[in-house]
Amino acid sequence: MQSILSSITSIVKNKFLLAIIGFSVWMLFFDRNDISSQLERFQKLKELKTNTAYYEEKIEAAKAELEKRKNDPTAYERIAREKYYMKKDNEDIFLFDQ
């Protein structure tokens, strides 16, 4: 029993071990970059990477659509009629609500 107590007190008296334990506890739980903050940031990074992939797909689709429209001269007329309600001089436009 006495040897166990003496070994515990020698561990408690060890300044370096106490400093390492104190530093570890501080870094794991009380620091600005503690474990919970790191996990939250990792989840946010994962979410942003998935968003990046989604938007890259959208950009590629938009570029393909742009190339298709550049090569098709009737596409300009179709877009002007559908989106901006433009018409020729001798035409009438009828709009229907859906």
C-alpha atoms as a PDB file:
ATOM      1  CA  MET A   1       0.000   0.000   0.000  1.00  0.00           C
ATOM      2  CA  GLN A   2       2.803   2.358   0.900  1.00  0.00           C
ATOM      3  CA  SER A   3       4.576   1.692  -2.426  1.00  0.00           C
ATOM      4  CA  ILE A   4       1.433   2.552  -4.390  1.00  0.00           C
ATOM      5  CA  LEU A   5       1.060   5.838  -2.523  1.00  0.00           C
ATOM      6  CA  SER A   6       4.704   6.709  -3.038  1.00  0.00           C
ATOM      7  CA  SER A   7       4.462   5.989  -6.775  1.00  0.00           C
ATOM      8  CA  ILE A   8       1.322   8.157  -7.070  1.00  0.00           C
ATOM      9  CA  THR A   9       2.943  11.017  -5.195  1.00  0.00           C
ATOM     10  CA  SER A  10       6.053  10.746  -7.337  1.00  0.00           C
ATOM     11  CA  ILE A  11       3.854  11.021 -10.451  1.00  0.00           C
ATOM     12  CA  VAL A  12       2.009  14.013  -8.999  1.00  0.00           C
ATOM     13  CA  LYS A  13       5.309  15.690  -8.093  1.00  0.00           C
ATOM     14  CA  ASN A  14       6.645  15.263 -11.632  1.00  0.00           C
ATOM     15  CA  LYS A  15       6.413  18.795 -13.098  1.00  0.00           C
ATOM     16  CA  PHE A  16       6.860  17.714 -16.688  1.00  0.00           C
ATOM     17  CA  LEU A  17       4.083  15.145 -16.576  1.00  0.00           C
ATOM     18  CA  LEU A  18       1.745  17.640 -14.925  1.00  0.00           C
ATOM     19  CA  ALA A  19       2.617  20.237 -17.561  1.00  0.00           C
ATOM     20  CA  ILE A  20       1.938  17.767 -20.387  1.00  0.00           C
ATOM     21  CA  ILE A  21      -1.380  16.688 -18.862  1.00  0.00           C
ATOM     22  CA  GLY A  22      -2.425  20.303 -18.236  1.00  0.00           C
ATOM     23  CA  PHE A  23      -1.460  21.348 -21.756  1.00  0.00           C
ATOM     24  CA  SER A  24      -3.314  18.388 -23.275  1.00  0.00           C
ATOM     25  CA  VAL A  25      -6.478  19.127 -21.293  1.00  0.00           C
ATOM     26  CA  TRP A  26      -6.292  22.792 -22.242  1.00  0.00           C
ATOM     27  CA  MET A  27      -5.813  22.039 -25.961  1.00  0.00           C
ATOM     28  CA  LEU A  28      -8.526  19.374 -26.076  1.00  0.00           C
ATOM     29  CA  PHE A  29     -11.294  21.187 -24.217  1.00  0.00           C
ATOM     30  CA  PHE A  30     -10.656  24.892 -23.574  1.00  0.00           C
ATOM     31  CA  ASP A  31      -8.679  26.220 -26.531  1.00  0.00           C
ATOM     32  CA  ARG A  32     -10.273  28.066 -29.434  1.00  0.00           C
ATOM     33  CA  ASN A  33      -9.408  25.096 -31.667  1.00  0.00           C
ATOM     34  CA  ASP A  34     -10.711  22.355 -29.383  1.00  0.00           C
ATOM     35  CA  ILE A  35     -11.986  18.989 -30.570  1.00  0.00           C
ATOM     36  CA  SER A  36     -15.638  19.987 -30.959  1.00  0.00           C
ATOM     37  CA  SER A  37     -14.689  23.037 -33.042  1.00  0.00           C
ATOM     38  CA  GLN A  38     -12.487  20.898 -35.258  1.00  0.00           C
ATOM     39  CA  LEU A  39     -15.305  18.391 -35.819  1.00  0.00           C
ATOM     40  CA  GLU A  40     -17.743  21.162 -36.706  1.00  0.00           C
ATOM     41  CA  ARG A  41     -15.256  22.645 -39.160  1.00  0.00           C
ATOM     42  CA  PHE A  42     -14.653  19.236 -40.717  1.00  0.00           C
ATOM     43  CA  GLN A  43     -18.406  18.767 -41.254  1.00  0.00           C
ATOM     44  CA  LYS A  44     -18.681  22.255 -42.781  1.00  0.00           C
ATOM     45  CA  LEU A  45     -15.754  21.520 -45.097  1.00  0.00           C
ATOM     46  CA  LYS A  46     -17.396  18.287 -46.205  1.00  0.00           C
ATOM     47  CA  GLU A  47     -20.639  20.147 -46.928  1.00  0.00           C
ATOM     48  CA  LEU A  48     -18.820  22.847 -48.896  1.00  0.00           C
ATOM     49  CA  LYS A  49     -17.016  20.242 -50.995  1.00  0.00           C
ATOM     50  CA  THR A  50     -20.324  18.656 -51.962  1.00  0.00           C
ATOM     51  CA  ASN A  51     -21.691  22.099 -52.843  1.00  0.00           C
ATOM     52  CA  THR A  52     -18.600  22.747 -54.941  1.00  0.00           C
ATOM     53  CA  ALA A  53     -19.205  19.576 -56.939  1.00  0.00           C
ATOM     54  CA  TYR A  54     -22.844  20.543 -57.481  1.00  0.00           C
ATOM     55  CA  TYR A  55     -21.974  24.026 -58.721  1.00  0.00           C
ATOM     56  CA  GLU A  56     -19.206  22.720 -60.969  1.00  0.00           C
ATOM     57  CA  GLU A  57     -21.780  20.487 -62.669  1.00  0.00           C
ATOM     58  CA  LYS A  58     -24.089  23.479 -63.096  1.00  0.00           C
ATOM     59  CA  ILE A  59     -21.250  25.539 -64.608  1.00  0.00           C
ATOM     60  CA  GLU A  60     -20.418  22.781 -67.082  1.00  0.00           C
ATOM     61  CA  ALA A  61     -24.078  22.520 -68.097  1.00  0.00           C
ATOM     62  CA  ALA A  62     -24.263  26.298 -68.574  1.00  0.00           C
ATOM     63  CA  LYS A  63     -21.088  26.277 -70.691  1.00  0.00           C
ATOM     64  CA  ALA A  64     -22.477  23.493 -72.865  1.00  0.00           C
ATOM     65  CA  GLU A  65     -25.726  25.443 -73.303  1.00  0.00           C
ATOM     66  CA  LEU A  66     -23.753  28.568 -74.228  1.00  0.00           C
ATOM     67  CA  GLU A  67     -21.756  26.696 -76.865  1.00  0.00           C
ATOM     68  CA  LYS A  68     -24.967  25.237 -78.269  1.00  0.00           C
ATOM     69  CA  ARG A  69     -26.521  28.683 -78.491  1.00  0.00           C
ATOM     70  CA  LYS A  70     -23.442  30.209 -80.118  1.00  0.00           C
ATOM     71  CA  ASN A  71     -23.641  27.706 -82.960  1.00  0.00           C
ATOM     72  CA  ASP A  72     -27.400  28.024 -83.507  1.00  0.00           C
ATOM     73  CA  PRO A  73     -28.538  31.393 -84.945  1.00  0.00           C
ATOM     74  CA  THR A  74     -32.223  30.617 -84.355  1.00  0.00           C
ATOM     75  CA  ALA A  75     -31.491  30.193 -80.647  1.00  0.00           C
ATOM     76  CA  TYR A  76     -31.101  33.957 -80.233  1.00  0.00           C
ATOM     77  CA  GLU A  77     -34.549  34.531 -81.668  1.00  0.00           C
ATOM     78  CA  ARG A  78     -36.098  31.779 -79.542  1.00  0.00           C
ATOM     79  CA  ILE A  79     -34.532  33.150 -76.337  1.00  0.00           C
ATOM     80  CA  ALA A  80     -35.611  36.701 -77.160  1.00  0.00           C
ATOM     81  CA  ARG A  81     -39.176  35.530 -77.747  1.00  0.00           C
ATOM     82  CA  GLU A  82     -39.442  33.228 -74.691  1.00  0.00           C
ATOM     83  CA  LYS A  83     -37.605  35.196 -72.029  1.00  0.00           C
ATOM     84  CA  TYR A  84     -37.920  38.815 -73.091  1.00  0.00           C
ATOM     85  CA  TYR A  85     -41.267  38.645 -74.965  1.00  0.00           C
ATOM     86  CA  MET A  86     -39.844  40.310 -78.060  1.00  0.00           C
ATOM     87  CA  LYS A  87     -41.756  40.136 -81.315  1.00  0.00           C
ATOM     88  CA  LYS A  88     -41.526  41.033 -84.943  1.00  0.00           C
ATOM     89  CA  ASP A  89     -43.343  44.096 -86.234  1.00  0.00           C
ATOM     90  CA  ASN A  90     -46.268  42.203 -87.739  1.00  0.00           C
ATOM     91  CA  GLU A  91     -46.885  39.819 -84.818  1.00  0.00           C
ATOM     92  CA  ASP A  92     -49.128  39.851 -81.769  1.00  0.00           C
ATOM     93  CA  ILE A  93     -48.160  38.174 -78.477  1.00  0.00           C
ATOM     94  CA  PHE A  94     -50.650  36.373 -76.269  1.00  0.00           C
ATOM     95  CA  LEU A  95     -49.496  35.428 -72.759  1.00  0.00           C
ATOM     96  CA  PHE A  96     -51.243  32.708 -70.780  1.00  0.00           C
ATOM     97  CA  ASP A  97     -50.911  32.117 -67.050  1.00  0.00           C
ATOM     98  CA  GLN A  98     -50.342  28.502 -66.155  1.00  0.00           C
END
